[in-house]
Amino acid sequence: MPKVTGIMRAKIDGAVLDIKEQTGKLDTGGMERSPHMAGKKVVGFSESPKPAVFTATVIHTAAMDTDEINGWEDKTLVVETDCGVQWMITNAATTKPVVVSGGGESEFEMQGNPAEQIAP
């Protein structure tokens, strides 16, 4: 049986971001299709591009520069899983300000070009 993804890691331009276990979520993006109906049946689809979206809870420490993270643009984001699958998102940027909460956790989101699987 294949191994199931449990832990995700994020690298931003090669630097590792500490992701809380089992909180990473990747929408790989790509083409979103919308059906068109006529006569009670689907007669075709239209497509619109959708960006990749990566969200996670990151561990907040005194070393984390939230102003820098909030200003990230044109970054290369690589998302890795503990089962060996990796995706690359180019032209990635933070899309929401980092939200810091008690317990050392921060909510984090980046969007960019549709993800390209680069390992298995």
PDB file of N, CA and C in Angstrom:
ATOM      1  N   MET A   1       0.841  -1.186   0.000  1.00  0.00           N
ATOM      2  CA  MET A   1       0.000   0.000   0.000  1.00  0.00           C
ATOM      3  C   MET A   1       0.880   1.241   0.000  1.00  0.00           C
ATOM      4  N   PRO A   2       0.461   2.291  -0.700  1.00  0.00           N
ATOM      5  CA  PRO A   2       1.266   3.519  -0.723  1.00  0.00           C
ATOM      6  C   PRO A   2       1.171   4.275   0.599  1.00  0.00           C
ATOM      7  N   LYS A   3       2.219   5.029   0.890  1.00  0.00           N
ATOM      8  CA  LYS A   3       2.253   5.854   2.093  1.00  0.00           C
ATOM      9  C   LYS A   3       1.330   7.056   1.907  1.00  0.00           C
ATOM     10  N   VAL A   4       0.647   7.447   2.965  1.00  0.00           N
ATOM     11  CA  VAL A   4      -0.287   8.573   2.946  1.00  0.00           C
ATOM     12  C   VAL A   4       0.420   9.824   3.460  1.00  0.00           C
ATOM     13  N   THR A   5       0.177  10.962   2.806  1.00  0.00           N
ATOM     14  CA  THR A   5       0.766  12.231   3.235  1.00  0.00           C
ATOM     15  C   THR A   5       0.275  12.591   4.627  1.00  0.00           C
ATOM     16  N   GLY A   6       1.222  12.937   5.490  1.00  0.00           N
ATOM     17  CA  GLY A   6       0.874  13.365   6.838  1.00  0.00           C
ATOM     18  C   GLY A   6       1.511  14.695   7.173  1.00  0.00           C
ATOM     19  N   ILE A   7       2.747  14.866   6.744  1.00  0.00           N
ATOM     20  CA  ILE A   7       3.499  16.070   7.081  1.00  0.00           C
ATOM     21  C   ILE A   7       3.927  16.760   5.784  1.00  0.00           C
ATOM     22  N   MET A   8       3.785  18.078   5.754  1.00  0.00           N
ATOM     23  CA  MET A   8       4.228  18.868   4.609  1.00  0.00           C
ATOM     24  C   MET A   8       5.290  19.847   5.066  1.00  0.00           C
ATOM     25  N   ARG A   9       6.180  20.162   4.149  1.00  0.00           N
ATOM     26  CA  ARG A   9       7.235  21.131   4.400  1.00  0.00           C
ATOM     27  C   ARG A   9       7.202  22.148   3.286  1.00  0.00           C
ATOM     28  N   ALA A  10       7.526  23.392   3.597  1.00  0.00           N
ATOM     29  CA  ALA A  10       7.546  24.430   2.578  1.00  0.00           C
ATOM     30  C   ALA A  10       8.926  25.055   2.526  1.00  0.00           C
ATOM     31  N   LYS A  11       9.428  25.231   1.311  1.00  0.00           N
ATOM     32  CA  LYS A  11      10.686  25.946   1.093  1.00  0.00           C
ATOM     33  C   LYS A  11      10.380  27.165   0.238  1.00  0.00           C
ATOM     34  N   ILE A  12      10.786  28.334   0.725  1.00  0.00           N
ATOM     35  CA  ILE A  12      10.593  29.578  -0.002  1.00  0.00           C
ATOM     36  C   ILE A  12      11.972  30.012  -0.478  1.00  0.00           C
ATOM     37  N   ASP A  13      12.194  29.999  -1.785  1.00  0.00           N
ATOM     38  CA  ASP A  13      13.519  30.294  -2.354  1.00  0.00           C
ATOM     39  C   ASP A  13      14.615  29.531  -1.614  1.00  0.00           C
ATOM     40  N   GLY A  14      14.322  28.279  -1.255  1.00  0.00           N
ATOM     41  CA  GLY A  14      15.294  27.399  -0.615  1.00  0.00           C
ATOM     42  C   GLY A  14      15.290  27.412   0.900  1.00  0.00           C
ATOM     43  N   ALA A  15      14.715  28.425   1.537  1.00  0.00           N
ATOM     44  CA  ALA A  15      14.682  28.507   2.998  1.00  0.00           C
ATOM     45  C   ALA A  15      13.457  27.747   3.523  1.00  0.00           C
ATOM     46  N   VAL A  16      13.665  26.900   4.522  1.00  0.00           N
ATOM     47  CA  VAL A  16      12.587  26.078   5.069  1.00  0.00           C
ATOM     48  C   VAL A  16      11.727  26.893   6.028  1.00  0.00           C
ATOM     49  N   LEU A  17      10.418  26.770   5.862  1.00  0.00           N
ATOM     50  CA  LEU A  17       9.449  27.401   6.750  1.00  0.00           C
ATOM     51  C   LEU A  17       8.912  26.300   7.666  1.00  0.00           C
ATOM     52  N   ASP A  18       8.915  26.523   8.976  1.00  0.00           N
ATOM     53  CA  ASP A  18       8.484  25.505   9.934  1.00  0.00           C
ATOM     54  C   ASP A  18       6.962  25.400   9.961  1.00  0.00           C
ATOM     55  N   ILE A  19       6.441  24.316   9.384  1.00  0.00           N
ATOM     56  CA  ILE A  19       5.008  24.079   9.277  1.00  0.00           C
ATOM     57  C   ILE A  19       4.574  23.156  10.411  1.00  0.00           C
ATOM     58  N   LYS A  20       3.511  23.529  11.103  1.00  0.00           N
ATOM     59  CA  LYS A  20       2.962  22.654  12.139  1.00  0.00           C
ATOM     60  C   LYS A  20       2.459  21.379  11.468  1.00  0.00           C
ATOM     61  N   GLU A  21       2.725  20.246  12.108  1.00  0.00           N
ATOM     62  CA  GLU A  21       2.352  18.967  11.514  1.00  0.00           C
ATOM     63  C   GLU A  21       0.871  18.890  11.189  1.00  0.00           C
ATOM     64  N   GLN A  22       0.586  18.346  10.034  1.00  0.00           N
ATOM     65  CA  GLN A  22      -0.747  18.074   9.516  1.00  0.00           C
ATOM     66  C   GLN A  22      -1.630  19.308   9.365  1.00  0.00           C
ATOM     67  N   THR A  23      -1.006  20.475   9.074  1.00  0.00           N
ATOM     68  CA  THR A  23      -1.807  21.680   8.817  1.00  0.00           C
ATOM     69  C   THR A  23      -1.635  22.202   7.396  1.00  0.00           C
ATOM     70  N   GLY A  24      -0.674  21.679   6.640  1.00  0.00           N
ATOM     71  CA  GLY A  24      -0.458  22.160   5.280  1.00  0.00           C
ATOM     72  C   GLY A  24      -1.592  21.732   4.360  1.00  0.00           C
ATOM     73  N   LYS A  25      -1.969  22.639   3.453  1.00  0.00           N
ATOM     74  CA  LYS A  25      -3.023  22.344   2.485  1.00  0.00           C
ATOM     75  C   LYS A  25      -2.637  22.984   1.157  1.00  0.00           C
ATOM     76  N   LEU A  26      -2.609  22.185   0.088  1.00  0.00           N
ATOM     77  CA  LEU A  26      -2.226  22.673  -1.231  1.00  0.00           C
ATOM     78  C   LEU A  26      -3.354  22.474  -2.220  1.00  0.00           C
ATOM     79  N   ASP A  27      -3.803  23.575  -2.830  1.00  0.00           N
ATOM     80  CA  ASP A  27      -4.701  23.529  -3.983  1.00  0.00           C
ATOM     81  C   ASP A  27      -3.764  23.740  -5.165  1.00  0.00           C
ATOM     82  N   THR A  28      -3.580  22.739  -6.007  1.00  0.00           N
ATOM     83  CA  THR A  28      -2.574  22.793  -7.066  1.00  0.00           C
ATOM     84  C   THR A  28      -2.909  23.774  -8.184  1.00  0.00           C
ATOM     85  N   GLY A  29      -4.138  24.279  -8.208  1.00  0.00           N
ATOM     86  CA  GLY A  29      -4.504  25.235  -9.244  1.00  0.00           C
ATOM     87  C   GLY A  29      -4.626  24.572 -10.604  1.00  0.00           C
ATOM     88  N   GLY A  30      -4.675  25.379 -11.640  1.00  0.00           N
ATOM     89  CA  GLY A  30      -4.835  24.867 -12.997  1.00  0.00           C
ATOM     90  C   GLY A  30      -6.132  25.390 -13.591  1.00  0.00           C
ATOM     91  N   MET A  31      -6.693  24.630 -14.485  1.00  0.00           N
ATOM     92  CA  MET A  31      -7.923  25.061 -15.148  1.00  0.00           C
ATOM     93  C   MET A  31      -9.144  24.603 -14.356  1.00  0.00           C
ATOM     94  N   GLU A  32     -10.043  25.548 -14.119  1.00  0.00           N
ATOM     95  CA  GLU A  32     -11.310  25.238 -13.464  1.00  0.00           C
ATOM     96  C   GLU A  32     -12.367  25.192 -14.550  1.00  0.00           C
ATOM     97  N   ARG A  33     -13.135  24.131 -14.580  1.00  0.00           N
ATOM     98  CA  ARG A  33     -14.123  23.950 -15.636  1.00  0.00           C
ATOM     99  C   ARG A  33     -15.530  24.191 -15.099  1.00  0.00           C
ATOM    100  N   SER A  34     -16.328  24.895 -15.887  1.00  0.00           N
ATOM    101  CA  SER A  34     -17.724  25.159 -15.546  1.00  0.00           C
ATOM    102  C   SER A  34     -18.604  24.571 -16.642  1.00  0.00           C
ATOM    103  N   PRO A  35     -19.562  23.718 -16.252  1.00  0.00           N
ATOM    104  CA  PRO A  35     -20.439  23.125 -17.272  1.00  0.00           C
ATOM    105  C   PRO A  35     -21.472  24.131 -17.773  1.00  0.00           C
ATOM    106  N   HIS A  36     -21.879  23.938 -19.012  1.00  0.00           N
ATOM    107  CA  HIS A  36     -22.952  24.744 -19.618  1.00  0.00           C
ATOM    108  C   HIS A  36     -24.084  23.799 -20.001  1.00  0.00           C
ATOM    109  N   MET A  37     -25.291  24.167 -19.560  1.00  0.00           N
ATOM    110  CA  MET A  37     -26.458  23.310 -19.733  1.00  0.00           C
ATOM    111  C   MET A  37     -27.376  23.843 -20.836  1.00  0.00           C
ATOM    112  N   ALA A  38     -28.005  22.925 -21.532  1.00  0.00           N
ATOM    113  CA  ALA A  38     -29.058  23.239 -22.502  1.00  0.00           C
ATOM    114  C   ALA A  38     -29.917  21.987 -22.632  1.00  0.00           C
ATOM    115  N   GLY A  39     -31.227  22.174 -22.587  1.00  0.00           N
ATOM    116  CA  GLY A  39     -32.113  21.013 -22.731  1.00  0.00           C
ATOM    117  C   GLY A  39     -31.897  19.959 -21.661  1.00  0.00           C
ATOM    118  N   LYS A  40     -31.610  20.377 -20.449  1.00  0.00           N
ATOM    119  CA  LYS A  40     -31.418  19.486 -19.297  1.00  0.00           C
ATOM    120  C   LYS A  40     -30.210  18.565 -19.424  1.00  0.00           C
ATOM    121  N   LYS A  41     -29.228  18.987 -20.234  1.00  0.00           N
ATOM    122  CA  LYS A  41     -28.006  18.186 -20.312  1.00  0.00           C
ATOM    123  C   LYS A  41     -26.808  19.113 -20.471  1.00  0.00           C
ATOM    124  N   VAL A  42     -25.666  18.594 -20.106  1.00  0.00           N
ATOM    125  CA  VAL A  42     -24.421  19.346 -20.264  1.00  0.00           C
ATOM    126  C   VAL A  42     -24.028  19.296 -21.731  1.00  0.00           C
ATOM    127  N   VAL A  43     -23.820  20.483 -22.327  1.00  0.00           N
ATOM    128  CA  VAL A  43     -23.461  20.543 -23.744  1.00  0.00           C
ATOM    129  C   VAL A  43     -22.012  20.990 -23.950  1.00  0.00           C
ATOM    130  N   GLY A  44     -21.369  21.375 -22.878  1.00  0.00           N
ATOM    131  CA  GLY A  44     -19.975  21.778 -22.992  1.00  0.00           C
ATOM    132  C   GLY A  44     -19.465  22.392 -21.699  1.00  0.00           C
ATOM    133  N   PHE A  45     -18.212  22.774 -21.724  1.00  0.00           N
ATOM    134  CA  PHE A  45     -17.564  23.362 -20.565  1.00  0.00           C
ATOM    135  C   PHE A  45     -16.791  24.603 -20.994  1.00  0.00           C
ATOM    136  N   SER A  46     -16.679  25.546 -20.081  1.00  0.00           N
ATOM    137  CA  SER A  46     -15.748  26.655 -20.297  1.00  0.00           C
ATOM    138  C   SER A  46     -14.669  26.536 -19.220  1.00  0.00           C
ATOM    139  N   GLU A  47     -13.515  27.090 -19.504  1.00  0.00           N
ATOM    140  CA  GLU A  47     -12.393  26.983 -18.580  1.00  0.00           C
ATOM    141  C   GLU A  47     -11.909  28.365 -18.166  1.00  0.00           C
ATOM    142  N   SER A  48     -11.439  28.441 -16.920  1.00  0.00           N
ATOM    143  CA  SER A  48     -10.792  29.656 -16.445  1.00  0.00           C
ATOM    144  C   SER A  48      -9.613  29.244 -15.566  1.00  0.00           C
ATOM    145  N   PRO A  49      -8.488  29.955 -15.693  1.00  0.00           N
ATOM    146  CA  PRO A  49      -7.307  29.578 -14.921  1.00  0.00           C
ATOM    147  C   PRO A  49      -7.476  29.908 -13.445  1.00  0.00           C
ATOM    148  N   LYS A  50      -6.876  29.073 -12.609  1.00  0.00           N
ATOM    149  CA  LYS A  50      -6.938  29.237 -11.163  1.00  0.00           C
ATOM    150  C   LYS A  50      -5.521  29.112 -10.614  1.00  0.00           C
ATOM    151  N   PRO A  51      -5.117  30.005  -9.694  1.00  0.00           N
ATOM    152  CA  PRO A  51      -3.763  29.906  -9.146  1.00  0.00           C
ATOM    153  C   PRO A  51      -3.637  28.748  -8.155  1.00  0.00           C
ATOM    154  N   ALA A  52      -2.417  28.329  -7.906  1.00  0.00           N
ATOM    155  CA  ALA A  52      -2.150  27.395  -6.818  1.00  0.00           C
ATOM    156  C   ALA A  52      -2.238  28.179  -5.515  1.00  0.00           C
ATOM    157  N   VAL A  53      -2.745  27.521  -4.468  1.00  0.00           N
ATOM    158  CA  VAL A  53      -2.870  28.150  -3.149  1.00  0.00           C
ATOM    159  C   VAL A  53      -2.306  27.191  -2.109  1.00  0.00           C
ATOM    160  N   PHE A  54      -1.357  27.686  -1.297  1.00  0.00           N
ATOM    161  CA  PHE A  54      -0.810  26.892  -0.193  1.00  0.00           C
ATOM    162  C   PHE A  54      -1.118  27.606   1.110  1.00  0.00           C
ATOM    163  N   THR A  55      -1.767  26.902   2.021  1.00  0.00           N
ATOM    164  CA  THR A  55      -2.052  27.447   3.345  1.00  0.00           C
ATOM    165  C   THR A  55      -1.503  26.500   4.397  1.00  0.00           C
ATOM    166  N   ALA A  56      -1.086  27.071   5.518  1.00  0.00           N
ATOM    167  CA  ALA A  56      -0.547  26.252   6.608  1.00  0.00           C
ATOM    168  C   ALA A  56      -0.492  27.069   7.881  1.00  0.00           C
ATOM    169  N   THR A  57      -0.342  26.357   8.971  1.00  0.00           N
ATOM    170  CA  THR A  57      -0.049  26.986  10.246  1.00  0.00           C
ATOM    171  C   THR A  57       1.459  26.876  10.436  1.00  0.00           C
ATOM    172  N   VAL A  58       2.116  28.006  10.585  1.00  0.00           N
ATOM    173  CA  VAL A  58       3.560  28.006  10.800  1.00  0.00           C
ATOM    174  C   VAL A  58       3.840  28.287  12.270  1.00  0.00           C
ATOM    175  N   ILE A  59       4.980  27.826  12.737  1.00  0.00           N
ATOM    176  CA  ILE A  59       5.365  28.040  14.123  1.00  0.00           C
ATOM    177  C   ILE A  59       5.984  29.424  14.237  1.00  0.00           C
ATOM    178  N   HIS A  60       5.413  30.259  15.105  1.00  0.00           N
ATOM    179  CA  HIS A  60       5.913  31.620  15.287  1.00  0.00           C
ATOM    180  C   HIS A  60       6.984  31.647  16.371  1.00  0.00           C
ATOM    181  N   THR A  61       8.121  32.245  16.031  1.00  0.00           N
ATOM    182  CA  THR A  61       9.206  32.434  16.992  1.00  0.00           C
ATOM    183  C   THR A  61       9.663  33.886  16.900  1.00  0.00           C
ATOM    184  N   ALA A  62      10.539  34.276  17.811  1.00  0.00           N
ATOM    185  CA  ALA A  62      11.074  35.644  17.795  1.00  0.00           C
ATOM    186  C   ALA A  62      11.879  35.907  16.526  1.00  0.00           C
ATOM    187  N   ALA A  63      12.365  34.849  15.890  1.00  0.00           N
ATOM    188  CA  ALA A  63      13.167  35.013  14.675  1.00  0.00           C
ATOM    189  C   ALA A  63      12.314  35.252  13.430  1.00  0.00           C
ATOM    190  N   MET A  64      11.004  35.055  13.523  1.00  0.00           N
ATOM    191  CA  MET A  64      10.137  35.224  12.351  1.00  0.00           C
ATOM    192  C   MET A  64       9.885  36.704  12.097  1.00  0.00           C
ATOM    193  N   ASP A  65      10.178  37.134  10.882  1.00  0.00           N
ATOM    194  CA  ASP A  65       9.959  38.526  10.482  1.00  0.00           C
ATOM    195  C   ASP A  65       8.653  38.587   9.688  1.00  0.00           C
ATOM    196  N   THR A  66       7.551  38.889  10.368  1.00  0.00           N
ATOM    197  CA  THR A  66       6.253  38.889   9.695  1.00  0.00           C
ATOM    198  C   THR A  66       6.149  39.972   8.631  1.00  0.00           C
ATOM    199  N   ASP A  67       6.824  41.119   8.829  1.00  0.00           N
ATOM    200  CA  ASP A  67       6.799  42.166   7.801  1.00  0.00           C
ATOM    201  C   ASP A  67       7.441  41.663   6.509  1.00  0.00           C
ATOM    202  N   GLU A  68       8.547  40.933   6.644  1.00  0.00           N
ATOM    203  CA  GLU A  68       9.208  40.377   5.456  1.00  0.00           C
ATOM    204  C   GLU A  68       8.295  39.372   4.759  1.00  0.00           C
ATOM    205  N   ILE A  69       7.696  38.464   5.530  1.00  0.00           N
ATOM    206  CA  ILE A  69       6.814  37.447   4.953  1.00  0.00           C
ATOM    207  C   ILE A  69       5.621  38.101   4.262  1.00  0.00           C
ATOM    208  N   ASN A  70       5.026  39.117   4.888  1.00  0.00           N
ATOM    209  CA  ASN A  70       3.882  39.799   4.285  1.00  0.00           C
ATOM    210  C   ASN A  70       4.242  40.465   2.955  1.00  0.00           C
ATOM    211  N   GLY A  71       5.510  40.813   2.767  1.00  0.00           N
ATOM    212  CA  GLY A  71       5.948  41.477   1.546  1.00  0.00           C
ATOM    213  C   GLY A  71       6.484  40.550   0.477  1.00  0.00           C
ATOM    214  N   TRP A  72       6.455  39.233   0.704  1.00  0.00           N
ATOM    215  CA  TRP A  72       7.001  38.302  -0.282  1.00  0.00           C
ATOM    216  C   TRP A  72       6.260  38.390  -1.615  1.00  0.00           C
ATOM    217  N   GLU A  73       7.027  38.536  -2.686  1.00  0.00           N
ATOM    218  CA  GLU A  73       6.513  38.528  -4.053  1.00  0.00           C
ATOM    219  C   GLU A  73       7.505  37.804  -4.941  1.00  0.00           C
ATOM    220  N   ASP A  74       7.026  37.231  -6.017  1.00  0.00           N
ATOM    221  CA  ASP A  74       7.868  36.576  -7.019  1.00  0.00           C
ATOM    222  C   ASP A  74       8.828  35.566  -6.393  1.00  0.00           C
ATOM    223  N   LYS A  75       8.310  34.736  -5.494  1.00  0.00           N
ATOM    224  CA  LYS A  75       9.099  33.702  -4.828  1.00  0.00           C
ATOM    225  C   LYS A  75       8.849  32.358  -5.495  1.00  0.00           C
ATOM    226  N   THR A  76       9.777  31.430  -5.275  1.00  0.00           N
ATOM    227  CA  THR A  76       9.586  30.049  -5.690  1.00  0.00           C
ATOM    228  C   THR A  76       9.272  29.249  -4.438  1.00  0.00           C
ATOM    229  N   LEU A  77       8.083  28.668  -4.396  1.00  0.00           N
ATOM    230  CA  LEU A  77       7.621  27.876  -3.265  1.00  0.00           C
ATOM    231  C   LEU A  77       7.663  26.410  -3.668  1.00  0.00           C
ATOM    232  N   VAL A  78       8.365  25.598  -2.881  1.00  0.00           N
ATOM    233  CA  VAL A  78       8.380  24.149  -3.094  1.00  0.00           C
ATOM    234  C   VAL A  78       7.700  23.520  -1.888  1.00  0.00           C
ATOM    235  N   VAL A  79       6.656  22.747  -2.149  1.00  0.00           N
ATOM    236  CA  VAL A  79       5.932  22.038  -1.103  1.00  0.00           C
ATOM    237  C   VAL A  79       6.345  20.573  -1.189  1.00  0.00           C
ATOM    238  N   GLU A  80       6.827  20.048  -0.051  1.00  0.00           N
ATOM    239  CA  GLU A  80       7.283  18.661   0.013  1.00  0.00           C
ATOM    240  C   GLU A  80       6.419  17.896   0.999  1.00  0.00           C
ATOM    241  N   THR A  81       6.176  16.621   0.704  1.00  0.00           N
ATOM    242  CA  THR A  81       5.432  15.770   1.626  1.00  0.00           C
ATOM    243  C   THR A  81       6.349  14.697   2.192  1.00  0.00           C
ATOM    244  N   ASP A  82       5.920  14.103   3.298  1.00  0.00           N
ATOM    245  CA  ASP A  82       6.718  13.047   3.913  1.00  0.00           C
ATOM    246  C   ASP A  82       6.676  11.744   3.121  1.00  0.00           C
ATOM    247  N   CYS A  83       5.852  11.681   2.069  1.00  0.00           N
ATOM    248  CA  CYS A  83       5.862  10.484   1.224  1.00  0.00           C
ATOM    249  C   CYS A  83       6.626  10.721  -0.077  1.00  0.00           C
ATOM    250  N   GLY A  84       7.342  11.856  -0.152  1.00  0.00           N
ATOM    251  CA  GLY A  84       8.255  12.089  -1.261  1.00  0.00           C
ATOM    252  C   GLY A  84       7.726  12.917  -2.416  1.00  0.00           C
ATOM    253  N   VAL A  85       6.450  13.245  -2.437  1.00  0.00           N
ATOM    254  CA  VAL A  85       5.896  14.040  -3.527  1.00  0.00           C
ATOM    255  C   VAL A  85       6.247  15.510  -3.298  1.00  0.00           C
ATOM    256  N   GLN A  86       6.618  16.195  -4.370  1.00  0.00           N
ATOM    257  CA  GLN A  86       6.977  17.612  -4.302  1.00  0.00           C
ATOM    258  C   GLN A  86       6.300  18.374  -5.438  1.00  0.00           C
ATOM    259  N   TRP A  87       5.897  19.615  -5.132  1.00  0.00           N
ATOM    260  CA  TRP A  87       5.346  20.513  -6.133  1.00  0.00           C
ATOM    261  C   TRP A  87       6.101  21.830  -6.074  1.00  0.00           C
ATOM    262  N   MET A  88       6.212  22.492  -7.224  1.00  0.00           N
ATOM    263  CA  MET A  88       6.843  23.801  -7.288  1.00  0.00           C
ATOM    264  C   MET A  88       5.809  24.814  -7.782  1.00  0.00           C
ATOM    265  N   ILE A  89       5.753  25.944  -7.067  1.00  0.00           N
ATOM    266  CA  ILE A  89       4.867  27.047  -7.441  1.00  0.00           C
ATOM    267  C   ILE A  89       5.759  28.253  -7.702  1.00  0.00           C
ATOM    268  N   THR A  90       5.755  28.741  -8.931  1.00  0.00           N
ATOM    269  CA  THR A  90       6.568  29.903  -9.280  1.00  0.00           C
ATOM    270  C   THR A  90       5.737  31.178  -9.173  1.00  0.00           C
ATOM    271  N   ASN A  91       6.441  32.305  -9.132  1.00  0.00           N
ATOM    272  CA  ASN A  91       5.798  33.611  -9.040  1.00  0.00           C
ATOM    273  C   ASN A  91       4.828  33.683  -7.855  1.00  0.00           C
ATOM    274  N   ALA A  92       5.221  33.052  -6.742  1.00  0.00           N
ATOM    275  CA  ALA A  92       4.360  32.990  -5.561  1.00  0.00           C
ATOM    276  C   ALA A  92       4.496  34.255  -4.714  1.00  0.00           C
ATOM    277  N   ALA A  93       3.404  34.613  -4.063  1.00  0.00           N
ATOM    278  CA  ALA A  93       3.378  35.779  -3.180  1.00  0.00           C
ATOM    279  C   ALA A  93       2.460  35.487  -2.002  1.00  0.00           C
ATOM    280  N   THR A  94       2.741  36.109  -0.861  1.00  0.00           N
ATOM    281  CA  THR A  94       1.802  36.014   0.246  1.00  0.00           C
ATOM    282  C   THR A  94       0.559  36.803  -0.144  1.00  0.00           C
ATOM    283  N   THR A  95      -0.610  36.239   0.163  1.00  0.00           N
ATOM    284  CA  THR A  95      -1.861  36.867  -0.257  1.00  0.00           C
ATOM    285  C   THR A  95      -2.660  37.448   0.894  1.00  0.00           C
ATOM    286  N   LYS A  96      -2.304  37.078   2.111  1.00  0.00           N
ATOM    287  CA  LYS A  96      -2.962  37.609   3.303  1.00  0.00           C
ATOM    288  C   LYS A  96      -1.879  37.916   4.328  1.00  0.00           C
ATOM    289  N   PRO A  97      -2.070  38.928   5.154  1.00  0.00           N
ATOM    290  CA  PRO A  97      -1.100  39.176   6.216  1.00  0.00           C
ATOM    291  C   PRO A  97      -1.011  37.966   7.148  1.00  0.00           C
ATOM    292  N   VAL A  98       0.189  37.688   7.647  1.00  0.00           N
ATOM    293  CA  VAL A  98       0.382  36.606   8.603  1.00  0.00           C
ATOM    294  C   VAL A  98      -0.424  36.929   9.864  1.00  0.00           C
ATOM    295  N   VAL A  99      -1.177  35.957  10.355  1.00  0.00           N
ATOM    296  CA  VAL A  99      -1.972  36.125  11.570  1.00  0.00           C
ATOM    297  C   VAL A  99      -1.277  35.372  12.692  1.00  0.00           C
ATOM    298  N   VAL A 100      -0.824  36.103  13.715  1.00  0.00           N
ATOM    299  CA  VAL A 100      -0.123  35.497  14.852  1.00  0.00           C
ATOM    300  C   VAL A 100      -1.122  35.292  15.982  1.00  0.00           C
ATOM    301  N   SER A 101      -1.095  34.089  16.573  1.00  0.00           N
ATOM    302  CA  SER A 101      -1.987  33.815  17.700  1.00  0.00           C
ATOM    303  C   SER A 101      -1.195  33.189  18.836  1.00  0.00           C
ATOM    304  N   GLY A 102      -1.823  33.118  19.997  1.00  0.00           N
ATOM    305  CA  GLY A 102      -1.180  32.501  21.152  1.00  0.00           C
ATOM    306  C   GLY A 102      -0.853  31.044  20.879  1.00  0.00           C
ATOM    307  N   GLY A 103       0.072  30.523  21.615  1.00  0.00           N
ATOM    308  CA  GLY A 103       0.469  29.134  21.413  1.00  0.00           C
ATOM    309  C   GLY A 103       1.541  28.988  20.354  1.00  0.00           C
ATOM    310  N   GLY A 104       2.073  30.120  19.863  1.00  0.00           N
ATOM    311  CA  GLY A 104       3.174  30.072  18.909  1.00  0.00           C
ATOM    312  C   GLY A 104       2.777  29.709  17.498  1.00  0.00           C
ATOM    313  N   GLU A 105       1.529  29.940  17.127  1.00  0.00           N
ATOM    314  CA  GLU A 105       1.068  29.572  15.794  1.00  0.00           C
ATOM    315  C   GLU A 105       0.724  30.803  14.969  1.00  0.00           C
ATOM    316  N   SER A 106       0.952  30.696  13.663  1.00  0.00           N
ATOM    317  CA  SER A 106       0.631  31.767  12.724  1.00  0.00           C
ATOM    318  C   SER A 106       0.010  31.161  11.478  1.00  0.00           C
ATOM    319  N   GLU A 107      -1.050  31.784  11.000  1.00  0.00           N
ATOM    320  CA  GLU A 107      -1.691  31.346   9.756  1.00  0.00           C
ATOM    321  C   GLU A 107      -0.961  31.997   8.585  1.00  0.00           C
ATOM    322  N   PHE A 108      -0.773  31.239   7.509  1.00  0.00           N
ATOM    323  CA  PHE A 108       0.074  31.651   6.402  1.00  0.00           C
ATOM    324  C   PHE A 108      -0.567  31.206   5.093  1.00  0.00           C
ATOM    325  N   GLU A 109      -0.543  32.090   4.050  1.00  0.00           N
ATOM    326  CA  GLU A 109      -1.075  31.713   2.740  1.00  0.00           C
ATOM    327  C   GLU A 109      -0.240  32.330   1.635  1.00  0.00           C
ATOM    328  N   MET A 110       0.040  31.517   0.617  1.00  0.00           N
ATOM    329  CA  MET A 110       0.715  31.994  -0.599  1.00  0.00           C
ATOM    330  C   MET A 110      -0.062  31.497  -1.805  1.00  0.00           C
ATOM    331  N   GLN A 111      -0.024  32.306  -2.890  1.00  0.00           N
ATOM    332  CA  GLN A 111      -0.611  31.903  -4.166  1.00  0.00           C
ATOM    333  C   GLN A 111       0.396  32.188  -5.272  1.00  0.00           C
ATOM    334  N   GLY A 112       0.293  31.436  -6.342  1.00  0.00           N
ATOM    335  CA  GLY A 112       1.179  31.644  -7.481  1.00  0.00           C
ATOM    336  C   GLY A 112       0.692  30.869  -8.690  1.00  0.00           C
ATOM    337  N   ASN A 113       1.583  30.667  -9.641  1.00  0.00           N
ATOM    338  CA  ASN A 113       1.235  29.906 -10.839  1.00  0.00           C
ATOM    339  C   ASN A 113       0.800  28.497 -10.450  1.00  0.00           C
ATOM    340  N   PRO A 114      -0.004  27.836 -11.277  1.00  0.00           N
ATOM    341  CA  PRO A 114      -0.401  26.461 -10.964  1.00  0.00           C
ATOM    342  C   PRO A 114       0.820  25.603 -10.623  1.00  0.00           C
ATOM    343  N   ALA A 115       0.644  24.736  -9.611  1.00  0.00           N
ATOM    344  CA  ALA A 115       1.739  23.896  -9.124  1.00  0.00           C
ATOM    345  C   ALA A 115       2.146  22.867 -10.172  1.00  0.00           C
ATOM    346  N   GLU A 116       3.444  22.644 -10.237  1.00  0.00           N
ATOM    347  CA  GLU A 116       4.020  21.640 -11.130  1.00  0.00           C
ATOM    348  C   GLU A 116       4.638  20.560 -10.251  1.00  0.00           C
ATOM    349  N   GLN A 117       4.191  19.302 -10.420  1.00  0.00           N
ATOM    350  CA  GLN A 117       4.778  18.231  -9.636  1.00  0.00           C
ATOM    351  C   GLN A 117       6.186  17.967 -10.140  1.00  0.00           C
ATOM    352  N   ILE A 118       7.173  18.029  -9.222  1.00  0.00           N
ATOM    353  CA  ILE A 118       8.571  17.895  -9.623  1.00  0.00           C
ATOM    354  C   ILE A 118       9.239  16.628  -9.076  1.00  0.00           C
ATOM    355  N   ALA A 119       8.557  15.891  -8.216  1.00  0.00           N
ATOM    356  CA  ALA A 119       9.066  14.617  -7.728  1.00  0.00           C
ATOM    357  C   ALA A 119       7.881  13.673  -7.589  1.00  0.00           C
ATOM    358  N   PRO A 120       8.146  12.374  -7.718  1.00  0.00           N
ATOM    359  CA  PRO A 120       7.154  11.335  -7.979  1.00  0.00           C
ATOM    360  C   PRO A 120       5.803  11.864  -8.079  1.00  0.00           C
TER     361      PRO A 120
END
